[in-house]
Structure formats: structure tokens, C-alpha cells
Amino acid sequence: MMSRPDFMSKQLLFIDSDSSKKIKFRNSNLVVVDENNKTILQHSCHKIFLVFIYGEFSITSVLIKQAKRFSFPIIFLNFNLKMYYSVIPENKGNFLLRKKQYLDLNKLEISKFLISNKAENQLYLMKSLRYKTTQEKICIDKMKFLISQINNCSSNQEMLGIEGNASKLFFKVYFKNLDFRGRRPRAKEDIFNLLLDIGYHYLFNFIEANLELYGFDTYYGVHHTLFYQRKSLVCDVIEPFRCIIDRKIRKGFNLKQIDRNDFYEKNGQYFIKKECNKKYSQFFLKEILSFKEEIFLFIQSYYRNFIKENDISKYSKFTLEEKK
């Protein structure tokens, strides 16, 4: 297992491409070269945690072998920042962990813990707004009530209803005055939903890489039901951390870091202009990396408690309030 000091020394790489670049492996280093074989980037594989490759690249089979050897995932993104392929060194040898996953012990209680943690962070962001109308204060009180009801849920279906209502309240209040018309995943019907999809996508891959450190079956979740080719456990564990992306987007609009001219509309959907993809990738990845220790410690605690006592009271929460 990776220790905290080892993890903190690891880095995330985002490599953008053009037709003249190649990625190769040289002396335990990941190397990017141009058409003249001149080195553009060289980074030690010992220090890599996750690699995003944007656009078209030529890679060698040696690089894939070394990615497996050094246990760092490679995520391939198209020019719309959508993942089309990944090379993830899976750790399937922890059969005791997977056996416990399939036994479904405390599944509902873990689900309650994750969704409560998510809603508490949403409540914190709602309360952090400086000027709140009477209606918004009522929404905050409703959110508090919904959080109090999570522990009384007797099924995941019941909890899904509470989670959905809590999210509606959150998006309504937190993104006020920003022309936000509701959360619609993958629809890309406005800039907000497009950016939320992209930010959550990067966060999803980072959390998946953390879960793979311990050998979890990422397709077997506790809150999200089993669905073909869906990594339900990653969908579960990402929930408390979505607030990282939510806050970053709101702050980005308020600080004019997000420019509406960076986007275009086609067939009722919004996209980022190709020349701006790197800007928004850095926008999200820097924010995620600022919380990399908190994410690592949360998943480490999740693993240790799950594999041993599975006592919900000993699971560590992620609290956005602690890091402003």
C-alpha cells in the first residue's frame, strides 16, 4: 500500500498534443519529444500518480508496460475533454477486500455516511453565501431537515429521493444570479452543466486511481446500483467531493476566470473552444490537487475501516469547511 508521504510526492500530468509529438519511456522517465526528437518534457515515473493525455499522440508498448510497472493510470481525452480510453493498472490481488465488498456488510449504512457527507458540504456552501433572501434561508432550513432524515432511511431508493431533493435546493441557492437553470448531467445545454461535467470527470478519474491503490472492485458500489460498465463505487466515493468542483465553478464566474467567449454552441449543446481546453483542464486539476491529501486520507480511512471493523463511526469525513 502507498504511504501518505509517498503519495504526497506524486504528481499529476496533463500532456496536450499536436501531430508532431510522441510519448516514450527512457531510463525510468516519461518523455515527450517533438518531430525532431527534441525533449519537451521529462518526468520521473517514480513521481507520477496519474497522466491525462489530451489529443492525438503516438505511444509505445514499452510506455504501457512501464505504466503498469510503476502503477500510474493513463487517461486519454479527445478534443472535447471526454475520455475515450484508459490504461489503468488494476490491483485485483486483494481478494479479502473484494470478498467483503460482495458480502454487502453495512452497505446501507456506508451509503448513508457518504450521502450525509455530501449534503453537509452542500449545506456549508449554501450557508457561506453572504447575502441570503428569506426564501434562500428557508431552503437552508429544508436542507438541514433533509440531512436529519438520511439516517432514518430504510432503503437506497428512499435515500435517492432525499439526495435528489437536497441537490435541487443546493443548485437553486448556490448558483443564484448566474443564470443556472438546473443540473442536467451530460446534456451540455449550458456552460454550467458543461463545466460541471468536465470538473466531475477529472475528479472521478483521480478518485478511481486512489481506489485502485487498495484493490477495490470499482464496479461494485454501495449506493449506486450495479449497472453494466458503470464504476459504481467511484460514483459513490466521489459524492462528498463534488463540492470542490461546485465551489471552483462559482468562484471562477465571480472572479471572471470563466469567459463565456471561450465556449460555442452547436445543435443545442455547448462546447469549449479547442484552444481553451488546456485553460479549463488546468482550472480544475489545480483545484483537485490542492485537496489531494484530503482525498487520499479519506479513501485510506475508508479502506482501513471497511476491511477491518466496518464501524461507520470510525470513517473519516471530508469537510470542505476546514480548507478555505
C-alpha atoms as a PDB file:
ATOM      1  CA  MET A   1       0.000   0.000   0.000  1.00  0.00           C
ATOM      2  CA  MET A   2       1.165   3.538  -0.705  1.00  0.00           C
ATOM      3  CA  SER A   3       2.040   5.631   2.341  1.00  0.00           C
ATOM      4  CA  ARG A   4       0.956   9.230   2.819  1.00  0.00           C
ATOM      5  CA  PRO A   5       4.499  10.683   2.291  1.00  0.00           C
ATOM      6  CA  ASP A   6       4.878   8.655  -0.914  1.00  0.00           C
ATOM      7  CA  PHE A   7       1.500   9.832  -2.168  1.00  0.00           C
ATOM      8  CA  MET A   8       2.228  13.485  -1.417  1.00  0.00           C
ATOM      9  CA  SER A   9       5.366  13.279  -3.549  1.00  0.00           C
ATOM     10  CA  LYS A  10       3.363  12.052  -6.549  1.00  0.00           C
ATOM     11  CA  GLN A  11       2.244  14.412  -9.307  1.00  0.00           C
ATOM     12  CA  LEU A  12      -0.493  14.564 -11.902  1.00  0.00           C
ATOM     13  CA  LEU A  13       0.496  15.250 -15.511  1.00  0.00           C
ATOM     14  CA  PHE A  14      -1.636  16.821 -18.228  1.00  0.00           C
ATOM     15  CA  ILE A  15       0.007  16.469 -21.633  1.00  0.00           C
ATOM     16  CA  ASP A  16      -1.534  18.259 -24.607  1.00  0.00           C
ATOM     17  CA  SER A  17      -0.700  17.189 -28.109  1.00  0.00           C
ATOM     18  CA  ASP A  18      -0.263  18.074 -31.710  1.00  0.00           C
ATOM     19  CA  SER A  19       0.599  15.798 -34.613  1.00  0.00           C
ATOM     20  CA  SER A  20       4.342  16.220 -34.101  1.00  0.00           C
ATOM     21  CA  LYS A  21       4.645  14.905 -30.525  1.00  0.00           C
ATOM     22  CA  LYS A  22       5.469  11.453 -29.256  1.00  0.00           C
ATOM     23  CA  ILE A  23       5.486   9.951 -25.766  1.00  0.00           C
ATOM     24  CA  LYS A  24       8.088   7.364 -24.877  1.00  0.00           C
ATOM     25  CA  PHE A  25       9.887   5.808 -21.941  1.00  0.00           C
ATOM     26  CA  ARG A  26      13.557   6.434 -21.200  1.00  0.00           C
ATOM     27  CA  ASN A  27      15.550   5.424 -18.107  1.00  0.00           C
ATOM     28  CA  SER A  28      12.527   5.317 -15.746  1.00  0.00           C
ATOM     29  CA  ASN A  29      11.279   8.616 -17.135  1.00  0.00           C
ATOM     30  CA  LEU A  30       8.222   9.523 -19.149  1.00  0.00           C
ATOM     31  CA  VAL A  31       9.471  11.630 -22.044  1.00  0.00           C
ATOM     32  CA  VAL A  32       7.631  13.831 -24.575  1.00  0.00           C
ATOM     33  CA  VAL A  33       9.559  14.662 -27.755  1.00  0.00           C
ATOM     34  CA  ASP A  34       8.812  16.792 -30.822  1.00  0.00           C
ATOM     35  CA  GLU A  35       9.144  15.883 -34.502  1.00  0.00           C
ATOM     36  CA  ASN A  36      12.902  16.491 -34.311  1.00  0.00           C
ATOM     37  CA  ASN A  37      13.185  14.131 -31.339  1.00  0.00           C
ATOM     38  CA  LYS A  38      13.919  17.085 -29.062  1.00  0.00           C
ATOM     39  CA  THR A  39      12.797  16.529 -25.457  1.00  0.00           C
ATOM     40  CA  ILE A  40       9.879  18.768 -24.464  1.00  0.00           C
ATOM     41  CA  LEU A  41       9.050  17.128 -21.126  1.00  0.00           C
ATOM     42  CA  GLN A  42      10.825  14.580 -18.979  1.00  0.00           C
ATOM     43  CA  HIS A  43       9.358  13.331 -15.708  1.00  0.00           C
ATOM     44  CA  SER A  44      10.369  10.506 -13.381  1.00  0.00           C
ATOM     45  CA  CYS A  45       7.870   7.630 -13.385  1.00  0.00           C
ATOM     46  CA  HIS A  46       8.506   7.241  -9.654  1.00  0.00           C
ATOM     47  CA  LYS A  47       6.822  10.633  -9.127  1.00  0.00           C
ATOM     48  CA  ILE A  48       3.762  10.107 -11.359  1.00  0.00           C
ATOM     49  CA  PHE A  49       0.332   9.309  -9.921  1.00  0.00           C
ATOM     50  CA  LEU A  50      -1.927   9.940 -12.914  1.00  0.00           C
ATOM     51  CA  VAL A  51      -1.436  11.055 -16.535  1.00  0.00           C
ATOM     52  CA  PHE A  52      -4.029  12.777 -18.733  1.00  0.00           C
ATOM     53  CA  ILE A  53      -3.199  12.746 -22.452  1.00  0.00           C
ATOM     54  CA  TYR A  54      -5.162  15.275 -24.481  1.00  0.00           C
ATOM     55  CA  GLY A  55      -5.482  14.855 -28.231  1.00  0.00           C
ATOM     56  CA  GLU A  56      -3.621  12.583 -30.630  1.00  0.00           C
ATOM     57  CA  PHE A  57      -0.301  11.026 -29.599  1.00  0.00           C
ATOM     58  CA  SER A  58       1.955   8.198 -30.625  1.00  0.00           C
ATOM     59  CA  ILE A  59       2.838   5.980 -27.677  1.00  0.00           C
ATOM     60  CA  THR A  60       4.901   2.815 -27.452  1.00  0.00           C
ATOM     61  CA  SER A  61       4.088  -0.563 -25.949  1.00  0.00           C
ATOM     62  CA  VAL A  62       7.088  -0.007 -23.664  1.00  0.00           C
ATOM     63  CA  LEU A  63       5.354   3.013 -22.156  1.00  0.00           C
ATOM     64  CA  ILE A  64       2.239   0.961 -21.420  1.00  0.00           C
ATOM     65  CA  LYS A  65       4.357  -1.749 -19.789  1.00  0.00           C
ATOM     66  CA  GLN A  66       6.115   0.843 -17.639  1.00  0.00           C
ATOM     67  CA  ALA A  67       2.824   2.496 -16.672  1.00  0.00           C
ATOM     68  CA  LYS A  68       1.760  -0.898 -15.349  1.00  0.00           C
ATOM     69  CA  ARG A  69       5.118  -1.393 -13.642  1.00  0.00           C
ATOM     70  CA  PHE A  70       5.010   1.980 -11.868  1.00  0.00           C
ATOM     71  CA  SER A  71       1.236   1.712 -11.325  1.00  0.00           C
ATOM     72  CA  PHE A  72       0.112   5.010 -12.804  1.00  0.00           C
ATOM     73  CA  PRO A  73      -3.062   5.256 -14.922  1.00  0.00           C
ATOM     74  CA  ILE A  74      -3.078   6.914 -18.336  1.00  0.00           C
ATOM     75  CA  ILE A  75      -6.338   8.624 -19.315  1.00  0.00           C
ATOM     76  CA  PHE A  76      -6.830   9.544 -22.981  1.00  0.00           C
ATOM     77  CA  LEU A  77      -9.027  12.563 -23.750  1.00  0.00           C
ATOM     78  CA  ASN A  78     -10.435  13.686 -27.072  1.00  0.00           C
ATOM     79  CA  PHE A  79     -10.568  17.328 -28.144  1.00  0.00           C
ATOM     80  CA  ASN A  80     -13.822  17.814 -26.205  1.00  0.00           C
ATOM     81  CA  LEU A  81     -12.060  16.694 -22.987  1.00  0.00           C
ATOM     82  CA  LYS A  82     -14.080  13.475 -22.956  1.00  0.00           C
ATOM     83  CA  MET A  83     -12.296  10.262 -22.018  1.00  0.00           C
ATOM     84  CA  TYR A  84     -12.241   7.725 -24.832  1.00  0.00           C
ATOM     85  CA  TYR A  85      -9.773   5.198 -23.404  1.00  0.00           C
ATOM     86  CA  SER A  86      -7.770   4.483 -20.267  1.00  0.00           C
ATOM     87  CA  VAL A  87      -4.878   2.291 -19.208  1.00  0.00           C
ATOM     88  CA  ILE A  88      -5.397   1.551 -15.522  1.00  0.00           C
ATOM     89  CA  PRO A  89      -3.031  -0.805 -13.653  1.00  0.00           C
ATOM     90  CA  GLU A  90      -5.583  -2.783 -11.659  1.00  0.00           C
ATOM     91  CA  ASN A  91      -4.802  -4.293  -8.280  1.00  0.00           C
ATOM     92  CA  LYS A  92      -7.003  -7.389  -8.239  1.00  0.00           C
ATOM     93  CA  GLY A  93      -4.968  -9.390  -5.747  1.00  0.00           C
ATOM     94  CA  ASN A  94      -6.686  -8.120  -2.592  1.00  0.00           C
ATOM     95  CA  PHE A  95      -9.274 -10.904  -2.604  1.00  0.00           C
ATOM     96  CA  LEU A  96     -10.167 -10.401   1.088  1.00  0.00           C
ATOM     97  CA  LEU A  97     -11.258  -6.847   0.325  1.00  0.00           C
ATOM     98  CA  ARG A  98     -13.332  -7.914  -2.667  1.00  0.00           C
ATOM     99  CA  LYS A  99     -14.920 -10.740  -0.705  1.00  0.00           C
ATOM    100  CA  LYS A 100     -16.102  -8.226   1.893  1.00  0.00           C
ATOM    101  CA  GLN A 101     -17.432  -5.968  -0.850  1.00  0.00           C
ATOM    102  CA  TYR A 102     -19.574  -8.769  -2.264  1.00  0.00           C
ATOM    103  CA  LEU A 103     -20.957  -9.683   1.182  1.00  0.00           C
ATOM    104  CA  ASP A 104     -22.720  -6.282   1.291  1.00  0.00           C
ATOM    105  CA  LEU A 105     -22.000  -5.805   5.001  1.00  0.00           C
ATOM    106  CA  ASN A 106     -23.222  -2.408   6.266  1.00  0.00           C
ATOM    107  CA  LYS A 107     -23.926  -1.380   2.673  1.00  0.00           C
ATOM    108  CA  LEU A 108     -26.862   0.883   3.551  1.00  0.00           C
ATOM    109  CA  GLU A 109     -25.026   2.482   6.481  1.00  0.00           C
ATOM    110  CA  ILE A 110     -21.992   3.297   4.331  1.00  0.00           C
ATOM    111  CA  SER A 111     -24.324   4.773   1.748  1.00  0.00           C
ATOM    112  CA  LYS A 112     -25.916   6.985   4.433  1.00  0.00           C
ATOM    113  CA  PHE A 113     -22.466   8.114   5.526  1.00  0.00           C
ATOM    114  CA  LEU A 114     -21.391   9.138   2.016  1.00  0.00           C
ATOM    115  CA  ILE A 115     -24.613  10.976   1.143  1.00  0.00           C
ATOM    116  CA  SER A 116     -24.731  12.735   4.520  1.00  0.00           C
ATOM    117  CA  ASN A 117     -21.162  13.911   3.988  1.00  0.00           C
ATOM    118  CA  LYS A 118     -22.092  15.228   0.543  1.00  0.00           C
ATOM    119  CA  ALA A 119     -25.188  17.064   1.804  1.00  0.00           C
ATOM    120  CA  GLU A 120     -23.304  18.567   4.757  1.00  0.00           C
ATOM    121  CA  ASN A 121     -20.736  20.071   2.392  1.00  0.00           C
ATOM    122  CA  GLN A 122     -23.535  21.389   0.190  1.00  0.00           C
ATOM    123  CA  LEU A 123     -25.137  22.956   3.262  1.00  0.00           C
ATOM    124  CA  TYR A 124     -21.830  24.571   4.175  1.00  0.00           C
ATOM    125  CA  LEU A 125     -21.573  26.179   0.739  1.00  0.00           C
ATOM    126  CA  MET A 126     -25.169  27.403   0.922  1.00  0.00           C
ATOM    127  CA  LYS A 127     -24.552  28.959   4.334  1.00  0.00           C
ATOM    128  CA  SER A 128     -21.301  30.539   3.107  1.00  0.00           C
ATOM    129  CA  LEU A 129     -23.184  32.941   0.811  1.00  0.00           C
ATOM    130  CA  ARG A 130     -23.038  36.470   2.164  1.00  0.00           C
ATOM    131  CA  TYR A 131     -26.453  37.787   1.233  1.00  0.00           C
ATOM    132  CA  LYS A 132     -29.378  35.411   1.574  1.00  0.00           C
ATOM    133  CA  THR A 133     -33.020  36.160   0.872  1.00  0.00           C
ATOM    134  CA  THR A 134     -35.830  34.901   3.094  1.00  0.00           C
ATOM    135  CA  GLN A 135     -36.588  32.184   0.529  1.00  0.00           C
ATOM    136  CA  GLU A 136     -32.957  31.064   0.486  1.00  0.00           C
ATOM    137  CA  LYS A 137     -32.904  30.858   4.285  1.00  0.00           C
ATOM    138  CA  ILE A 138     -35.987  28.644   4.053  1.00  0.00           C
ATOM    139  CA  CYS A 139     -34.107  26.432   1.565  1.00  0.00           C
ATOM    140  CA  ILE A 140     -31.218  26.150   4.018  1.00  0.00           C
ATOM    141  CA  ASP A 141     -33.620  25.050   6.770  1.00  0.00           C
ATOM    142  CA  LYS A 142     -35.108  22.482   4.379  1.00  0.00           C
ATOM    143  CA  MET A 143     -31.613  21.197   3.645  1.00  0.00           C
ATOM    144  CA  LYS A 144     -30.928  20.761   7.369  1.00  0.00           C
ATOM    145  CA  PHE A 145     -34.154  18.789   7.691  1.00  0.00           C
ATOM    146  CA  LEU A 146     -33.280  16.540   4.748  1.00  0.00           C
ATOM    147  CA  ILE A 147     -29.863  15.797   6.241  1.00  0.00           C
ATOM    148  CA  SER A 148     -31.520  14.824   9.514  1.00  0.00           C
ATOM    149  CA  GLN A 149     -33.740  12.381   7.622  1.00  0.00           C
ATOM    150  CA  ILE A 150     -30.931  10.466   5.913  1.00  0.00           C
ATOM    151  CA  ASN A 151     -30.213   8.268   8.935  1.00  0.00           C
ATOM    152  CA  ASN A 152     -33.881   7.260   9.055  1.00  0.00           C
ATOM    153  CA  CYS A 153     -33.822   5.834   5.518  1.00  0.00           C
ATOM    154  CA  SER A 154     -34.601   2.136   5.281  1.00  0.00           C
ATOM    155  CA  SER A 155     -33.542   1.721   1.636  1.00  0.00           C
ATOM    156  CA  ASN A 156     -31.332   3.221  -1.048  1.00  0.00           C
ATOM    157  CA  GLN A 157     -34.394   4.200  -3.060  1.00  0.00           C
ATOM    158  CA  GLU A 158     -35.635   6.326  -0.172  1.00  0.00           C
ATOM    159  CA  MET A 159     -32.227   7.920   0.180  1.00  0.00           C
ATOM    160  CA  LEU A 160     -32.030   8.669  -3.544  1.00  0.00           C
ATOM    161  CA  GLY A 161     -35.174  10.757  -3.179  1.00  0.00           C
ATOM    162  CA  ILE A 162     -33.685  12.754  -0.318  1.00  0.00           C
ATOM    163  CA  GLU A 163     -30.390  13.178  -2.173  1.00  0.00           C
ATOM    164  CA  GLY A 164     -32.196  14.457  -5.267  1.00  0.00           C
ATOM    165  CA  ASN A 165     -34.232  16.993  -3.302  1.00  0.00           C
ATOM    166  CA  ALA A 166     -31.130  18.171  -1.436  1.00  0.00           C
ATOM    167  CA  SER A 167     -29.228  18.695  -4.696  1.00  0.00           C
ATOM    168  CA  LYS A 168     -32.103  20.689  -6.195  1.00  0.00           C
ATOM    169  CA  LEU A 169     -32.082  23.006  -3.181  1.00  0.00           C
ATOM    170  CA  PHE A 170     -28.310  23.326  -3.342  1.00  0.00           C
ATOM    171  CA  PHE A 171     -28.060  24.243  -7.026  1.00  0.00           C
ATOM    172  CA  LYS A 172     -31.005  26.638  -6.735  1.00  0.00           C
ATOM    173  CA  VAL A 173     -29.404  28.604  -3.902  1.00  0.00           C
ATOM    174  CA  TYR A 174     -25.665  28.297  -4.540  1.00  0.00           C
ATOM    175  CA  PHE A 175     -25.702  29.255  -8.220  1.00  0.00           C
ATOM    176  CA  LYS A 176     -28.213  32.069  -7.862  1.00  0.00           C
ATOM    177  CA  ASN A 177     -27.773  35.117 -10.098  1.00  0.00           C
ATOM    178  CA  LEU A 178     -25.633  33.068 -12.517  1.00  0.00           C
ATOM    179  CA  ASP A 179     -28.387  32.055 -14.952  1.00  0.00           C
ATOM    180  CA  PHE A 180     -28.209  28.430 -13.821  1.00  0.00           C
ATOM    181  CA  ARG A 181     -31.365  26.517 -14.776  1.00  0.00           C
ATOM    182  CA  GLY A 182     -30.740  23.196 -13.057  1.00  0.00           C
ATOM    183  CA  ARG A 183     -28.360  20.270 -13.107  1.00  0.00           C
ATOM    184  CA  ARG A 184     -28.683  18.035 -16.164  1.00  0.00           C
ATOM    185  CA  PRO A 185     -25.747  15.604 -16.444  1.00  0.00           C
ATOM    186  CA  ARG A 186     -24.186  15.094 -19.880  1.00  0.00           C
ATOM    187  CA  ALA A 187     -26.792  17.291 -21.582  1.00  0.00           C
ATOM    188  CA  LYS A 188     -24.357  20.208 -22.091  1.00  0.00           C
ATOM    189  CA  GLU A 189     -27.319  22.517 -22.531  1.00  0.00           C
ATOM    190  CA  ASP A 190     -25.470  25.426 -20.926  1.00  0.00           C
ATOM    191  CA  ILE A 191     -21.966  26.416 -19.855  1.00  0.00           C
ATOM    192  CA  PHE A 192     -22.596  25.487 -16.217  1.00  0.00           C
ATOM    193  CA  ASN A 193     -23.607  21.913 -16.960  1.00  0.00           C
ATOM    194  CA  LEU A 194     -20.709  21.520 -19.376  1.00  0.00           C
ATOM    195  CA  LEU A 195     -18.183  22.706 -16.782  1.00  0.00           C
ATOM    196  CA  LEU A 196     -19.738  20.569 -14.049  1.00  0.00           C
ATOM    197  CA  ASP A 197     -19.433  17.509 -16.301  1.00  0.00           C
ATOM    198  CA  ILE A 198     -15.780  18.248 -17.066  1.00  0.00           C
ATOM    199  CA  GLY A 199     -14.845  19.008 -13.459  1.00  0.00           C
ATOM    200  CA  TYR A 200     -16.600  15.920 -12.114  1.00  0.00           C
ATOM    201  CA  HIS A 201     -14.932  13.877 -14.860  1.00  0.00           C
ATOM    202  CA  TYR A 202     -11.430  14.864 -13.715  1.00  0.00           C
ATOM    203  CA  LEU A 203     -12.380  14.301 -10.077  1.00  0.00           C
ATOM    204  CA  PHE A 204     -13.827  10.888 -10.961  1.00  0.00           C
ATOM    205  CA  ASN A 205     -10.567   9.722 -12.551  1.00  0.00           C
ATOM    206  CA  PHE A 206      -8.478  10.980  -9.641  1.00  0.00           C
ATOM    207  CA  ILE A 207     -10.662   9.157  -7.105  1.00  0.00           C
ATOM    208  CA  GLU A 208     -10.695   5.992  -9.211  1.00  0.00           C
ATOM    209  CA  ALA A 209      -6.886   5.973  -9.217  1.00  0.00           C
ATOM    210  CA  ASN A 210      -6.930   6.253  -5.401  1.00  0.00           C
ATOM    211  CA  LEU A 211      -9.382   3.364  -5.043  1.00  0.00           C
ATOM    212  CA  GLU A 212      -7.238   1.198  -7.333  1.00  0.00           C
ATOM    213  CA  LEU A 213      -4.332   1.584  -4.879  1.00  0.00           C
ATOM    214  CA  TYR A 214      -6.126  -0.764  -2.493  1.00  0.00           C
ATOM    215  CA  GLY A 215      -7.648  -3.205  -4.947  1.00  0.00           C
ATOM    216  CA  PHE A 216     -11.341  -2.295  -4.706  1.00  0.00           C
ATOM    217  CA  ASP A 217     -13.714  -3.635  -7.318  1.00  0.00           C
ATOM    218  CA  THR A 218     -14.680  -0.200  -8.598  1.00  0.00           C
ATOM    219  CA  TYR A 219     -17.748  -1.594 -10.396  1.00  0.00           C
ATOM    220  CA  TYR A 220     -19.330  -2.785  -7.142  1.00  0.00           C
ATOM    221  CA  GLY A 221     -20.841   0.134  -5.235  1.00  0.00           C
ATOM    222  CA  VAL A 222     -22.786   0.652  -2.031  1.00  0.00           C
ATOM    223  CA  HIS A 223     -25.152   3.471  -3.027  1.00  0.00           C
ATOM    224  CA  HIS A 224     -25.255   3.367  -6.811  1.00  0.00           C
ATOM    225  CA  THR A 225     -26.764   0.128  -8.049  1.00  0.00           C
ATOM    226  CA  LEU A 226     -24.926  -2.286 -10.301  1.00  0.00           C
ATOM    227  CA  PHE A 227     -25.106  -1.254 -13.927  1.00  0.00           C
ATOM    228  CA  TYR A 228     -23.242  -2.603 -16.937  1.00  0.00           C
ATOM    229  CA  GLN A 229     -19.810  -0.953 -17.369  1.00  0.00           C
ATOM    230  CA  ARG A 230     -20.507   1.662 -14.683  1.00  0.00           C
ATOM    231  CA  LYS A 231     -17.901   2.084 -11.960  1.00  0.00           C
ATOM    232  CA  SER A 232     -20.490   2.397  -9.223  1.00  0.00           C
ATOM    233  CA  LEU A 233     -18.059   2.530  -6.297  1.00  0.00           C
ATOM    234  CA  VAL A 234     -16.284   5.528  -7.825  1.00  0.00           C
ATOM    235  CA  CYS A 235     -19.707   7.150  -8.296  1.00  0.00           C
ATOM    236  CA  ASP A 236     -20.275   6.565  -4.562  1.00  0.00           C
ATOM    237  CA  VAL A 237     -16.977   7.829  -3.200  1.00  0.00           C
ATOM    238  CA  ILE A 238     -16.946  10.949  -5.386  1.00  0.00           C
ATOM    239  CA  GLU A 239     -20.121  12.266  -3.707  1.00  0.00           C
ATOM    240  CA  PRO A 240     -18.563  14.070  -0.689  1.00  0.00           C
ATOM    241  CA  PHE A 241     -16.010  15.736  -3.002  1.00  0.00           C
ATOM    242  CA  ARG A 242     -18.316  17.162  -5.686  1.00  0.00           C
ATOM    243  CA  CYS A 243     -18.432  20.389  -3.671  1.00  0.00           C
ATOM    244  CA  ILE A 244     -14.792  21.021  -4.677  1.00  0.00           C
ATOM    245  CA  ILE A 245     -15.878  21.441  -8.285  1.00  0.00           C
ATOM    246  CA  ASP A 246     -19.085  23.306  -7.400  1.00  0.00           C
ATOM    247  CA  ARG A 247     -17.212  25.938  -5.417  1.00  0.00           C
ATOM    248  CA  LYS A 248     -14.483  26.309  -8.026  1.00  0.00           C
ATOM    249  CA  ILE A 249     -17.008  26.996 -10.805  1.00  0.00           C
ATOM    250  CA  ARG A 250     -18.923  29.601  -8.806  1.00  0.00           C
ATOM    251  CA  LYS A 251     -15.693  31.295  -7.791  1.00  0.00           C
ATOM    252  CA  GLY A 252     -14.475  31.165 -11.395  1.00  0.00           C
ATOM    253  CA  PHE A 253     -17.522  33.063 -12.626  1.00  0.00           C
ATOM    254  CA  ASN A 254     -17.352  35.613  -9.828  1.00  0.00           C
ATOM    255  CA  LEU A 255     -13.649  36.279 -10.421  1.00  0.00           C
ATOM    256  CA  LYS A 256     -14.096  36.443 -14.219  1.00  0.00           C
ATOM    257  CA  GLN A 257     -11.817  33.428 -14.660  1.00  0.00           C
ATOM    258  CA  ILE A 258     -14.517  31.807 -16.798  1.00  0.00           C
ATOM    259  CA  ASP A 259     -15.081  33.686 -20.049  1.00  0.00           C
ATOM    260  CA  ARG A 260     -18.285  32.935 -21.953  1.00  0.00           C
ATOM    261  CA  ASN A 261     -16.388  33.686 -25.172  1.00  0.00           C
ATOM    262  CA  ASP A 262     -14.347  30.506 -24.552  1.00  0.00           C
ATOM    263  CA  PHE A 263     -17.408  28.428 -25.456  1.00  0.00           C
ATOM    264  CA  TYR A 264     -19.558  27.819 -28.512  1.00  0.00           C
ATOM    265  CA  GLU A 265     -22.964  26.247 -29.116  1.00  0.00           C
ATOM    266  CA  LYS A 266     -23.715  23.540 -31.654  1.00  0.00           C
ATOM    267  CA  ASN A 267     -27.003  21.662 -32.080  1.00  0.00           C
ATOM    268  CA  GLY A 268     -28.258  22.829 -28.683  1.00  0.00           C
ATOM    269  CA  GLN A 269     -25.105  21.779 -26.821  1.00  0.00           C
ATOM    270  CA  TYR A 270     -22.172  23.822 -25.522  1.00  0.00           C
ATOM    271  CA  PHE A 271     -18.515  23.016 -26.057  1.00  0.00           C
ATOM    272  CA  ILE A 272     -15.180  24.566 -25.075  1.00  0.00           C
ATOM    273  CA  LYS A 273     -13.209  26.025 -27.956  1.00  0.00           C
ATOM    274  CA  LYS A 274     -10.261  23.803 -28.760  1.00  0.00           C
ATOM    275  CA  GLU A 275      -7.682  26.481 -27.923  1.00  0.00           C
ATOM    276  CA  CYS A 276      -9.229  26.892 -24.444  1.00  0.00           C
ATOM    277  CA  ASN A 277      -9.243  23.220 -23.408  1.00  0.00           C
ATOM    278  CA  LYS A 278      -5.888  23.437 -21.674  1.00  0.00           C
ATOM    279  CA  LYS A 279      -7.022  26.517 -19.727  1.00  0.00           C
ATOM    280  CA  TYR A 280     -10.022  24.739 -18.223  1.00  0.00           C
ATOM    281  CA  SER A 281      -8.152  21.499 -17.626  1.00  0.00           C
ATOM    282  CA  GLN A 282      -5.641  23.410 -15.516  1.00  0.00           C
ATOM    283  CA  PHE A 283      -8.514  25.303 -13.887  1.00  0.00           C
ATOM    284  CA  PHE A 284      -9.950  22.068 -12.478  1.00  0.00           C
ATOM    285  CA  LEU A 285      -6.832  19.943 -11.998  1.00  0.00           C
ATOM    286  CA  LYS A 286      -5.067  22.552  -9.859  1.00  0.00           C
ATOM    287  CA  GLU A 287      -8.116  22.722  -7.593  1.00  0.00           C
ATOM    288  CA  ILE A 288      -8.350  18.934  -7.275  1.00  0.00           C
ATOM    289  CA  LEU A 289      -4.635  18.682  -6.495  1.00  0.00           C
ATOM    290  CA  SER A 290      -4.990  21.263  -3.732  1.00  0.00           C
ATOM    291  CA  PHE A 291      -7.166  18.629  -1.986  1.00  0.00           C
ATOM    292  CA  LYS A 292      -5.130  15.571  -2.930  1.00  0.00           C
ATOM    293  CA  GLU A 293      -4.054  14.881   0.661  1.00  0.00           C
ATOM    294  CA  GLU A 294      -7.626  15.088   1.955  1.00  0.00           C
ATOM    295  CA  ILE A 295      -8.841  12.742  -0.788  1.00  0.00           C
ATOM    296  CA  PHE A 296      -6.040  10.256  -0.124  1.00  0.00           C
ATOM    297  CA  LEU A 297      -6.664  10.222   3.650  1.00  0.00           C
ATOM    298  CA  PHE A 298     -10.432   9.856   3.169  1.00  0.00           C
ATOM    299  CA  ILE A 299     -10.040   6.817   0.906  1.00  0.00           C
ATOM    300  CA  GLN A 300      -7.300   5.370   3.111  1.00  0.00           C
ATOM    301  CA  SER A 301      -9.650   5.625   6.111  1.00  0.00           C
ATOM    302  CA  TYR A 302     -12.485   4.154   4.025  1.00  0.00           C
ATOM    303  CA  TYR A 303     -10.330   1.155   3.132  1.00  0.00           C
ATOM    304  CA  ARG A 304      -8.934   0.559   6.624  1.00  0.00           C
ATOM    305  CA  ASN A 305     -12.321   0.693   8.302  1.00  0.00           C
ATOM    306  CA  PHE A 306     -14.054  -1.311   5.587  1.00  0.00           C
ATOM    307  CA  ILE A 307     -11.526  -4.149   5.657  1.00  0.00           C
ATOM    308  CA  LYS A 308     -11.383  -4.320   9.463  1.00  0.00           C
ATOM    309  CA  GLU A 309     -14.275  -3.379  11.758  1.00  0.00           C
ATOM    310  CA  ASN A 310     -16.540  -1.636   9.264  1.00  0.00           C
ATOM    311  CA  ASP A 311     -17.679   0.655  12.083  1.00  0.00           C
ATOM    312  CA  ILE A 312     -19.319   3.692  10.451  1.00  0.00           C
ATOM    313  CA  SER A 313     -18.475   5.937  13.413  1.00  0.00           C
ATOM    314  CA  LYS A 314     -14.767   5.485  12.635  1.00  0.00           C
ATOM    315  CA  TYR A 315     -14.952   6.519   8.973  1.00  0.00           C
ATOM    316  CA  SER A 316     -13.285   9.885   8.295  1.00  0.00           C
ATOM    317  CA  LYS A 317     -15.415  12.647   6.781  1.00  0.00           C
ATOM    318  CA  PHE A 318     -14.296  15.160   4.226  1.00  0.00           C
ATOM    319  CA  THR A 319     -15.139  18.635   5.453  1.00  0.00           C
ATOM    320  CA  LEU A 320     -14.776  21.463   2.997  1.00  0.00           C
ATOM    321  CA  GLU A 321     -15.051  23.958   5.841  1.00  0.00           C
ATOM    322  CA  GLU A 322     -11.617  23.016   7.135  1.00  0.00           C
ATOM    323  CA  LYS A 323      -9.868  24.202   3.965  1.00  0.00           C
ATOM    324  CA  LYS A 324     -10.929  27.613   2.677  1.00  0.00           C
END
